Amino acid sequence: MTEIVIREPRGEDYFDLGLPYKFMQIGAEREPIDLEPVIKQYLERCIEKPEPLLAISQLSLMDAIAVKDAFMRFFTVAPAKGSSDSKQES
């Protein structure tokens, strides 16, 4: 396997699965904690190429971490102000 294609999560994915992390109070700070079972459910929905379950089962540990990091960027990178992604339609 040389390439994995991950689509952006859709609203339905988000409303079905929620955020792929939660916040935990650590001292005076609230830190995000990844929820791996939720991340796996998202990947099962969002991997478009190759077949999701096959892709997940064949990843090496390092590749699994890279795929997880790439996926989590959907939830950590905010769209630029004024971009079409940040506009709401009614």
PDB file of N, CA and C in Angstrom:
ATOM      1  N   MET A   1       0.856  -1.163   0.000  1.00  0.00           N
ATOM      2  CA  MET A   1       0.000   0.000   0.000  1.00  0.00           C
ATOM      3  C   MET A   1       0.908   1.234   0.000  1.00  0.00           C
ATOM      4  N   THR A   2       0.680   2.107  -0.971  1.00  0.00           N
ATOM      5  CA  THR A   2       1.542   3.282  -1.073  1.00  0.00           C
ATOM      6  C   THR A   2       0.808   4.584  -0.810  1.00  0.00           C
ATOM      7  N   GLU A   3      -0.514   4.554  -0.825  1.00  0.00           N
ATOM      8  CA  GLU A   3      -1.267   5.791  -0.653  1.00  0.00           C
ATOM      9  C   GLU A   3      -2.595   5.509   0.055  1.00  0.00           C
ATOM     10  N   ILE A   4      -2.962   6.413   0.952  1.00  0.00           N
ATOM     11  CA  ILE A   4      -4.279   6.371   1.588  1.00  0.00           C
ATOM     12  C   ILE A   4      -4.928   7.720   1.333  1.00  0.00           C
ATOM     13  N   VAL A   5      -6.156   7.689   0.854  1.00  0.00           N
ATOM     14  CA  VAL A   5      -6.912   8.915   0.587  1.00  0.00           C
ATOM     15  C   VAL A   5      -7.974   9.047   1.669  1.00  0.00           C
ATOM     16  N   ILE A   6      -7.921  10.170   2.386  1.00  0.00           N
ATOM     17  CA  ILE A   6      -8.881  10.430   3.465  1.00  0.00           C
ATOM     18  C   ILE A   6      -9.697  11.652   3.074  1.00  0.00           C
ATOM     19  N   ARG A   7     -11.013  11.494   3.042  1.00  0.00           N
ATOM     20  CA  ARG A   7     -11.874  12.642   2.761  1.00  0.00           C
ATOM     21  C   ARG A   7     -12.142  13.412   4.047  1.00  0.00           C
ATOM     22  N   GLU A   8     -12.515  14.654   3.892  1.00  0.00           N
ATOM     23  CA  GLU A   8     -12.883  15.467   5.043  1.00  0.00           C
ATOM     24  C   GLU A   8     -14.159  14.907   5.665  1.00  0.00           C
ATOM     25  N   PRO A   9     -14.224  14.833   6.998  1.00  0.00           N
ATOM     26  CA  PRO A   9     -15.461  14.374   7.636  1.00  0.00           C
ATOM     27  C   PRO A   9     -16.627  15.298   7.264  1.00  0.00           C
ATOM     28  N   ARG A  10     -17.789  14.701   7.132  1.00  0.00           N
ATOM     29  CA  ARG A  10     -19.003  15.457   6.808  1.00  0.00           C
ATOM     30  C   ARG A  10     -19.784  15.723   8.082  1.00  0.00           C
ATOM     31  N   GLY A  11     -20.775  16.585   7.960  1.00  0.00           N
ATOM     32  CA  GLY A  11     -21.625  16.896   9.104  1.00  0.00           C
ATOM     33  C   GLY A  11     -22.243  15.656   9.721  1.00  0.00           C
ATOM     34  N   GLU A  12     -22.704  14.734   8.882  1.00  0.00           N
ATOM     35  CA  GLU A  12     -23.303  13.501   9.399  1.00  0.00           C
ATOM     36  C   GLU A  12     -22.303  12.716  10.251  1.00  0.00           C
ATOM     37  N   ASP A  13     -21.055  12.654   9.797  1.00  0.00           N
ATOM     38  CA  ASP A  13     -20.014  11.959  10.569  1.00  0.00           C
ATOM     39  C   ASP A  13     -19.860  12.610  11.935  1.00  0.00           C
ATOM     40  N   TYR A  14     -19.781  13.938  11.922  1.00  0.00           N
ATOM     41  CA  TYR A  14     -19.590  14.676  13.169  1.00  0.00           C
ATOM     42  C   TYR A  14     -20.768  14.470  14.129  1.00  0.00           C
ATOM     43  N   PHE A  15     -21.984  14.580  13.612  1.00  0.00           N
ATOM     44  CA  PHE A  15     -23.147  14.436  14.486  1.00  0.00           C
ATOM     45  C   PHE A  15     -23.318  13.004  14.985  1.00  0.00           C
ATOM     46  N   ASP A  16     -22.894  12.019  14.194  1.00  0.00           N
ATOM     47  CA  ASP A  16     -22.968  10.624  14.633  1.00  0.00           C
ATOM     48  C   ASP A  16     -21.884  10.275  15.647  1.00  0.00           C
ATOM     49  N   LEU A  17     -20.663  10.804  15.436  1.00  0.00           N
ATOM     50  CA  LEU A  17     -19.506  10.360  16.224  1.00  0.00           C
ATOM     51  C   LEU A  17     -19.010  11.387  17.242  1.00  0.00           C
ATOM     52  N   GLY A  18     -19.322  12.663  17.047  1.00  0.00           N
ATOM     53  CA  GLY A  18     -18.821  13.699  17.955  1.00  0.00           C
ATOM     54  C   GLY A  18     -17.364  14.021  17.676  1.00  0.00           C
ATOM     55  N   LEU A  19     -16.765  14.750  18.573  1.00  0.00           N
ATOM     56  CA  LEU A  19     -15.346  15.101  18.437  1.00  0.00           C
ATOM     57  C   LEU A  19     -14.471  13.871  18.685  1.00  0.00           C
ATOM     58  N   PRO A  20     -13.324  13.774  18.009  1.00  0.00           N
ATOM     59  CA  PRO A  20     -12.427  12.638  18.220  1.00  0.00           C
ATOM     60  C   PRO A  20     -11.461  12.869  19.391  1.00  0.00           C
ATOM     61  N   TYR A  21     -11.800  13.801  20.257  1.00  0.00           N
ATOM     62  CA  TYR A  21     -10.991  14.064  21.448  1.00  0.00           C
ATOM     63  C   TYR A  21     -11.899  14.630  22.522  1.00  0.00           C
ATOM     64  N   LYS A  22     -11.396  14.623  23.745  1.00  0.00           N
ATOM     65  CA  LYS A  22     -12.094  15.277  24.856  1.00  0.00           C
ATOM     66  C   LYS A  22     -11.060  16.091  25.604  1.00  0.00           C
ATOM     67  N   PHE A  23     -11.526  16.983  26.441  1.00  0.00           N
ATOM     68  CA  PHE A  23     -10.606  17.796  27.228  1.00  0.00           C
ATOM     69  C   PHE A  23     -10.516  17.247  28.640  1.00  0.00           C
ATOM     70  N   MET A  24      -9.296  17.233  29.169  1.00  0.00           N
ATOM     71  CA  MET A  24      -9.052  16.779  30.524  1.00  0.00           C
ATOM     72  C   MET A  24      -8.295  17.879  31.259  1.00  0.00           C
ATOM     73  N   GLN A  25      -8.715  18.120  32.474  1.00  0.00           N
ATOM     74  CA  GLN A  25      -8.035  19.116  33.303  1.00  0.00           C
ATOM     75  C   GLN A  25      -6.725  18.513  33.814  1.00  0.00           C
ATOM     76  N   ILE A  26      -5.619  19.145  33.481  1.00  0.00           N
ATOM     77  CA  ILE A  26      -4.301  18.715  33.945  1.00  0.00           C
ATOM     78  C   ILE A  26      -3.659  19.926  34.594  1.00  0.00           C
ATOM     79  N   GLY A  27      -3.666  19.939  35.912  1.00  0.00           N
ATOM     80  CA  GLY A  27      -3.192  21.116  36.635  1.00  0.00           C
ATOM     81  C   GLY A  27      -4.121  22.276  36.350  1.00  0.00           C
ATOM     82  N   ALA A  28      -3.559  23.383  35.919  1.00  0.00           N
ATOM     83  CA  ALA A  28      -4.355  24.567  35.616  1.00  0.00           C
ATOM     84  C   ALA A  28      -4.811  24.592  34.153  1.00  0.00           C
ATOM     85  N   GLU A  29      -4.373  23.633  33.371  1.00  0.00           N
ATOM     86  CA  GLU A  29      -4.656  23.626  31.928  1.00  0.00           C
ATOM     87  C   GLU A  29      -5.666  22.544  31.548  1.00  0.00           C
ATOM     88  N   ARG A  30      -6.433  22.826  30.510  1.00  0.00           N
ATOM     89  CA  ARG A  30      -7.306  21.814  29.893  1.00  0.00           C
ATOM     90  C   ARG A  30      -6.599  21.312  28.645  1.00  0.00           C
ATOM     91  N   GLU A  31      -6.292  20.036  28.612  1.00  0.00           N
ATOM     92  CA  GLU A  31      -5.546  19.450  27.504  1.00  0.00           C
ATOM     93  C   GLU A  31      -6.448  18.513  26.700  1.00  0.00           C
ATOM     94  N   PRO A  32      -6.335  18.544  25.357  1.00  0.00           N
ATOM     95  CA  PRO A  32      -7.106  17.597  24.552  1.00  0.00           C
ATOM     96  C   PRO A  32      -6.504  16.192  24.648  1.00  0.00           C
ATOM     97  N   ILE A  33      -7.369  15.211  24.802  1.00  0.00           N
ATOM     98  CA  ILE A  33      -6.966  13.802  24.860  1.00  0.00           C
ATOM     99  C   ILE A  33      -7.649  13.092  23.695  1.00  0.00           C
ATOM    100  N   ASP A  34      -6.866  12.466  22.813  1.00  0.00           N
ATOM    101  CA  ASP A  34      -7.421  11.767  21.657  1.00  0.00           C
ATOM    102  C   ASP A  34      -8.248  10.570  22.100  1.00  0.00           C
ATOM    103  N   LEU A  35      -9.350  10.349  21.390  1.00  0.00           N
ATOM    104  CA  LEU A  35     -10.213   9.192  21.629  1.00  0.00           C
ATOM    105  C   LEU A  35     -10.022   8.225  20.462  1.00  0.00           C
ATOM    106  N   GLU A  36      -9.060   7.309  20.607  1.00  0.00           N
ATOM    107  CA  GLU A  36      -8.689   6.421  19.512  1.00  0.00           C
ATOM    108  C   GLU A  36      -9.856   5.610  18.953  1.00  0.00           C
ATOM    109  N   PRO A  37     -10.784   5.077  19.788  1.00  0.00           N
ATOM    110  CA  PRO A  37     -11.908   4.338  19.201  1.00  0.00           C
ATOM    111  C   PRO A  37     -12.774   5.220  18.285  1.00  0.00           C
ATOM    112  N   VAL A  38     -12.944   6.481  18.637  1.00  0.00           N
ATOM    113  CA  VAL A  38     -13.722   7.402  17.805  1.00  0.00           C
ATOM    114  C   VAL A  38     -12.939   7.735  16.535  1.00  0.00           C
ATOM    115  N   ILE A  39     -11.640   7.934  16.667  1.00  0.00           N
ATOM    116  CA  ILE A  39     -10.794   8.201  15.498  1.00  0.00           C
ATOM    117  C   ILE A  39     -10.878   7.030  14.523  1.00  0.00           C
ATOM    118  N   LYS A  40     -10.837   5.810  15.031  1.00  0.00           N
ATOM    119  CA  LYS A  40     -10.937   4.632  14.164  1.00  0.00           C
ATOM    120  C   LYS A  40     -12.283   4.602  13.451  1.00  0.00           C
ATOM    121  N   GLN A  41     -13.363   4.948  14.142  1.00  0.00           N
ATOM    122  CA  GLN A  41     -14.680   4.976  13.501  1.00  0.00           C
ATOM    123  C   GLN A  41     -14.719   6.016  12.384  1.00  0.00           C
ATOM    124  N   TYR A  42     -14.131   7.184  12.640  1.00  0.00           N
ATOM    125  CA  TYR A  42     -14.045   8.207  11.593  1.00  0.00           C
ATOM    126  C   TYR A  42     -13.254   7.676  10.400  1.00  0.00           C
ATOM    127  N   LEU A  43     -12.098   7.053  10.658  1.00  0.00           N
ATOM    128  CA  LEU A  43     -11.274   6.553   9.560  1.00  0.00           C
ATOM    129  C   LEU A  43     -12.007   5.486   8.760  1.00  0.00           C
ATOM    130  N   GLU A  44     -12.789   4.649   9.428  1.00  0.00           N
ATOM    131  CA  GLU A  44     -13.569   3.632   8.719  1.00  0.00           C
ATOM    132  C   GLU A  44     -14.562   4.283   7.763  1.00  0.00           C
ATOM    133  N   ARG A  45     -15.030   5.487   8.084  1.00  0.00           N
ATOM    134  CA  ARG A  45     -15.959   6.223   7.219  1.00  0.00           C
ATOM    135  C   ARG A  45     -15.227   7.073   6.187  1.00  0.00           C
ATOM    136  N   CYS A  46     -14.087   7.638   6.548  1.00  0.00           N
ATOM    137  CA  CYS A  46     -13.451   8.685   5.738  1.00  0.00           C
ATOM    138  C   CYS A  46     -12.332   8.212   4.821  1.00  0.00           C
ATOM    139  N   ILE A  47     -11.783   7.023   5.041  1.00  0.00           N
ATOM    140  CA  ILE A  47     -10.766   6.523   4.106  1.00  0.00           C
ATOM    141  C   ILE A  47     -11.489   6.123   2.827  1.00  0.00           C
ATOM    142  N   GLU A  48     -11.101   6.741   1.727  1.00  0.00           N
ATOM    143  CA  GLU A  48     -11.728   6.449   0.438  1.00  0.00           C
ATOM    144  C   GLU A  48     -10.919   5.459  -0.398  1.00  0.00           C
ATOM    145  N   LYS A  49      -9.627   5.419  -0.180  1.00  0.00           N
ATOM    146  CA  LYS A  49      -8.758   4.547  -0.964  1.00  0.00           C
ATOM    147  C   LYS A  49      -7.586   4.125  -0.102  1.00  0.00           C
ATOM    148  N   PRO A  50      -7.237   2.881  -0.014  1.00  0.00           N
ATOM    149  CA  PRO A  50      -7.974   1.691  -0.451  1.00  0.00           C
ATOM    150  C   PRO A  50      -9.163   1.433   0.474  1.00  0.00           C
ATOM    151  N   GLU A  51      -9.711   0.244   0.423  1.00  0.00           N
ATOM    152  CA  GLU A  51     -10.851  -0.128   1.273  1.00  0.00           C
ATOM    153  C   GLU A  51     -10.464   0.128   2.732  1.00  0.00           C
ATOM    154  N   PRO A  52     -11.309   0.853   3.507  1.00  0.00           N
ATOM    155  CA  PRO A  52     -10.926   1.325   4.840  1.00  0.00           C
ATOM    156  C   PRO A  52     -10.452   0.245   5.818  1.00  0.00           C
ATOM    157  N   LEU A  53     -11.189  -0.841   5.962  1.00  0.00           N
ATOM    158  CA  LEU A  53     -10.789  -1.856   6.942  1.00  0.00           C
ATOM    159  C   LEU A  53      -9.490  -2.534   6.537  1.00  0.00           C
ATOM    160  N   LEU A  54      -9.307  -2.742   5.242  1.00  0.00           N
ATOM    161  CA  LEU A  54      -8.057  -3.313   4.748  1.00  0.00           C
ATOM    162  C   LEU A  54      -6.899  -2.350   5.019  1.00  0.00           C
ATOM    163  N   ALA A  55      -7.113  -1.076   4.743  1.00  0.00           N
ATOM    164  CA  ALA A  55      -6.059  -0.076   4.958  1.00  0.00           C
ATOM    165  C   ALA A  55      -5.658  -0.030   6.425  1.00  0.00           C
ATOM    166  N   ILE A  56      -6.632   0.044   7.309  1.00  0.00           N
ATOM    167  CA  ILE A  56      -6.337   0.145   8.743  1.00  0.00           C
ATOM    168  C   ILE A  56      -5.605  -1.097   9.241  1.00  0.00           C
ATOM    169  N   SER A  57      -6.038  -2.269   8.790  1.00  0.00           N
ATOM    170  CA  SER A  57      -5.440  -3.512   9.302  1.00  0.00           C
ATOM    171  C   SER A  57      -4.015  -3.721   8.814  1.00  0.00           C
ATOM    172  N   GLN A  58      -3.638  -3.116   7.696  1.00  0.00           N
ATOM    173  CA  GLN A  58      -2.305  -3.351   7.130  1.00  0.00           C
ATOM    174  C   GLN A  58      -1.292  -2.257   7.441  1.00  0.00           C
ATOM    175  N   LEU A  59      -1.685  -1.228   8.163  1.00  0.00           N
ATOM    176  CA  LEU A  59      -0.754  -0.142   8.469  1.00  0.00           C
ATOM    177  C   LEU A  59       0.307  -0.574   9.472  1.00  0.00           C
ATOM    178  N   SER A  60       1.526  -0.145   9.254  1.00  0.00           N
ATOM    179  CA  SER A  60       2.551  -0.301  10.282  1.00  0.00           C
ATOM    180  C   SER A  60       2.244   0.697  11.391  1.00  0.00           C
ATOM    181  N   LEU A  61       2.882   0.564  12.523  1.00  0.00           N
ATOM    182  CA  LEU A  61       2.656   1.495  13.626  1.00  0.00           C
ATOM    183  C   LEU A  61       2.980   2.922  13.210  1.00  0.00           C
ATOM    184  N   MET A  62       4.112   3.132  12.566  1.00  0.00           N
ATOM    185  CA  MET A  62       4.508   4.483  12.156  1.00  0.00           C
ATOM    186  C   MET A  62       3.526   5.065  11.145  1.00  0.00           C
ATOM    187  N   ASP A  63       3.057   4.245  10.206  1.00  0.00           N
ATOM    188  CA  ASP A  63       2.082   4.724   9.229  1.00  0.00           C
ATOM    189  C   ASP A  63       0.739   5.019   9.896  1.00  0.00           C
ATOM    190  N   ALA A  64       0.341   4.204  10.870  1.00  0.00           N
ATOM    191  CA  ALA A  64      -0.909   4.437  11.598  1.00  0.00           C
ATOM    192  C   ALA A  64      -0.860   5.787  12.316  1.00  0.00           C
ATOM    193  N   ILE A  65       0.269   6.094  12.934  1.00  0.00           N
ATOM    194  CA  ILE A  65       0.429   7.379  13.622  1.00  0.00           C
ATOM    195  C   ILE A  65       0.353   8.521  12.614  1.00  0.00           C
ATOM    196  N   ALA A  66       0.988   8.355  11.448  1.00  0.00           N
ATOM    197  CA  ALA A  66       0.965   9.399  10.410  1.00  0.00           C
ATOM    198  C   ALA A  66      -0.457   9.609   9.879  1.00  0.00           C
ATOM    199  N   VAL A  67      -1.209   8.539   9.676  1.00  0.00           N
ATOM    200  CA  VAL A  67      -2.591   8.643   9.200  1.00  0.00           C
ATOM    201  C   VAL A  67      -3.444   9.338  10.253  1.00  0.00           C
ATOM    202  N   LYS A  68      -3.279   8.949  11.515  1.00  0.00           N
ATOM    203  CA  LYS A  68      -4.030   9.588  12.596  1.00  0.00           C
ATOM    204  C   LYS A  68      -3.718  11.082  12.652  1.00  0.00           C
ATOM    205  N   ASP A  69      -2.445  11.453  12.588  1.00  0.00           N
ATOM    206  CA  ASP A  69      -2.055  12.864  12.635  1.00  0.00           C
ATOM    207  C   ASP A  69      -2.653  13.643  11.465  1.00  0.00           C
ATOM    208  N   ALA A  70      -2.629  13.059  10.268  1.00  0.00           N
ATOM    209  CA  ALA A  70      -3.200  13.723   9.095  1.00  0.00           C
ATOM    210  C   ALA A  70      -4.706  13.906   9.277  1.00  0.00           C
ATOM    211  N   PHE A  71      -5.386  12.891   9.771  1.00  0.00           N
ATOM    212  CA  PHE A  71      -6.828  12.980   9.994  1.00  0.00           C
ATOM    213  C   PHE A  71      -7.160  14.044  11.039  1.00  0.00           C
ATOM    214  N   MET A  72      -6.420  14.081  12.128  1.00  0.00           N
ATOM    215  CA  MET A  72      -6.731  15.010  13.220  1.00  0.00           C
ATOM    216  C   MET A  72      -6.595  16.465  12.788  1.00  0.00           C
ATOM    217  N   ARG A  73      -5.849  16.736  11.717  1.00  0.00           N
ATOM    218  CA  ARG A  73      -5.738  18.108  11.218  1.00  0.00           C
ATOM    219  C   ARG A  73      -7.088  18.663  10.781  1.00  0.00           C
ATOM    220  N   PHE A  74      -8.020  17.791  10.397  1.00  0.00           N
ATOM    221  CA  PHE A  74      -9.361  18.268  10.048  1.00  0.00           C
ATOM    222  C   PHE A  74     -10.022  18.956  11.239  1.00  0.00           C
ATOM    223  N   PHE A  75      -9.634  18.583  12.443  1.00  0.00           N
ATOM    224  CA  PHE A  75     -10.262  19.124  13.645  1.00  0.00           C
ATOM    225  C   PHE A  75      -9.423  20.188  14.335  1.00  0.00           C
ATOM    226  N   THR A  76      -8.217  20.423  13.858  1.00  0.00           N
ATOM    227  CA  THR A  76      -7.341  21.386  14.523  1.00  0.00           C
ATOM    228  C   THR A  76      -6.994  22.590  13.668  1.00  0.00           C
ATOM    229  N   VAL A  77      -7.206  22.526  12.370  1.00  0.00           N
ATOM    230  CA  VAL A  77      -6.870  23.629  11.479  1.00  0.00           C
ATOM    231  C   VAL A  77      -8.153  24.370  11.146  1.00  0.00           C
ATOM    232  N   ALA A  78      -8.270  25.588  11.652  1.00  0.00           N
ATOM    233  CA  ALA A  78      -9.462  26.400  11.402  1.00  0.00           C
ATOM    234  C   ALA A  78      -9.354  27.053  10.039  1.00  0.00           C
ATOM    235  N   PRO A  79     -10.478  27.166   9.315  1.00  0.00           N
ATOM    236  CA  PRO A  79     -10.429  27.859   8.023  1.00  0.00           C
ATOM    237  C   PRO A  79     -10.101  29.337   8.203  1.00  0.00           C
ATOM    238  N   ALA A  80      -9.446  29.910   7.235  1.00  0.00           N
ATOM    239  CA  ALA A  80      -9.094  31.327   7.281  1.00  0.00           C
ATOM    240  C   ALA A  80     -10.353  32.172   7.275  1.00  0.00           C
ATOM    241  N   LYS A  81     -10.311  33.311   7.953  1.00  0.00           N
ATOM    242  CA  LYS A  81     -11.456  34.221   7.968  1.00  0.00           C
ATOM    243  C   LYS A  81     -11.791  34.636   6.529  1.00  0.00           C
ATOM    244  N   GLY A  82     -13.081  34.609   6.242  1.00  0.00           N
ATOM    245  CA  GLY A  82     -13.523  35.032   4.917  1.00  0.00           C
ATOM    246  C   GLY A  82     -13.457  33.939   3.880  1.00  0.00           C
ATOM    247  N   SER A  83     -12.949  32.752   4.227  1.00  0.00           N
ATOM    248  CA  SER A  83     -12.909  31.669   3.235  1.00  0.00           C
ATOM    249  C   SER A  83     -14.316  31.122   3.044  1.00  0.00           C
ATOM    250  N   SER A  84     -14.538  30.453   1.943  1.00  0.00           N
ATOM    251  CA  SER A  84     -15.869  29.911   1.663  1.00  0.00           C
ATOM    252  C   SER A  84     -16.250  28.839   2.675  1.00  0.00           C
ATOM    253  N   ASP A  85     -15.251  28.171   3.281  1.00  0.00           N
ATOM    254  CA  ASP A  85     -15.532  27.138   4.272  1.00  0.00           C
ATOM    255  C   ASP A  85     -16.117  27.706   5.554  1.00  0.00           C
ATOM    256  N   SER A  86     -15.828  28.973   5.853  1.00  0.00           N
ATOM    257  CA  SER A  86     -16.279  29.542   7.106  1.00  0.00           C
ATOM    258  C   SER A  86     -17.617  30.250   6.976  1.00  0.00           C
ATOM    259  N   LYS A  87     -18.166  30.344   5.747  1.00  0.00           N
ATOM    260  CA  LYS A  87     -19.446  31.017   5.546  1.00  0.00           C
ATOM    261  C   LYS A  87     -20.581  30.035   5.792  1.00  0.00           C
ATOM    262  N   GLN A  88     -21.661  30.536   6.358  1.00  0.00           N
ATOM    263  CA  GLN A  88     -22.824  29.701   6.606  1.00  0.00           C
ATOM    264  C   GLN A  88     -23.892  30.024   5.595  1.00  0.00           C
ATOM    265  N   GLU A  89     -24.616  28.989   5.175  1.00  0.00           N
ATOM    266  CA  GLU A  89     -25.741  29.180   4.287  1.00  0.00           C
ATOM    267  C   GLU A  89     -27.002  28.844   5.041  1.00  0.00           C
ATOM    268  N   SER A  90     -28.094  29.506   4.700  1.00  0.00           N
ATOM    269  CA  SER A  90     -29.356  29.182   5.362  1.00  0.00           C
ATOM    270  C   SER A  90     -30.317  28.494   4.426  1.00  0.00           C
TER     271      SER A  90
END
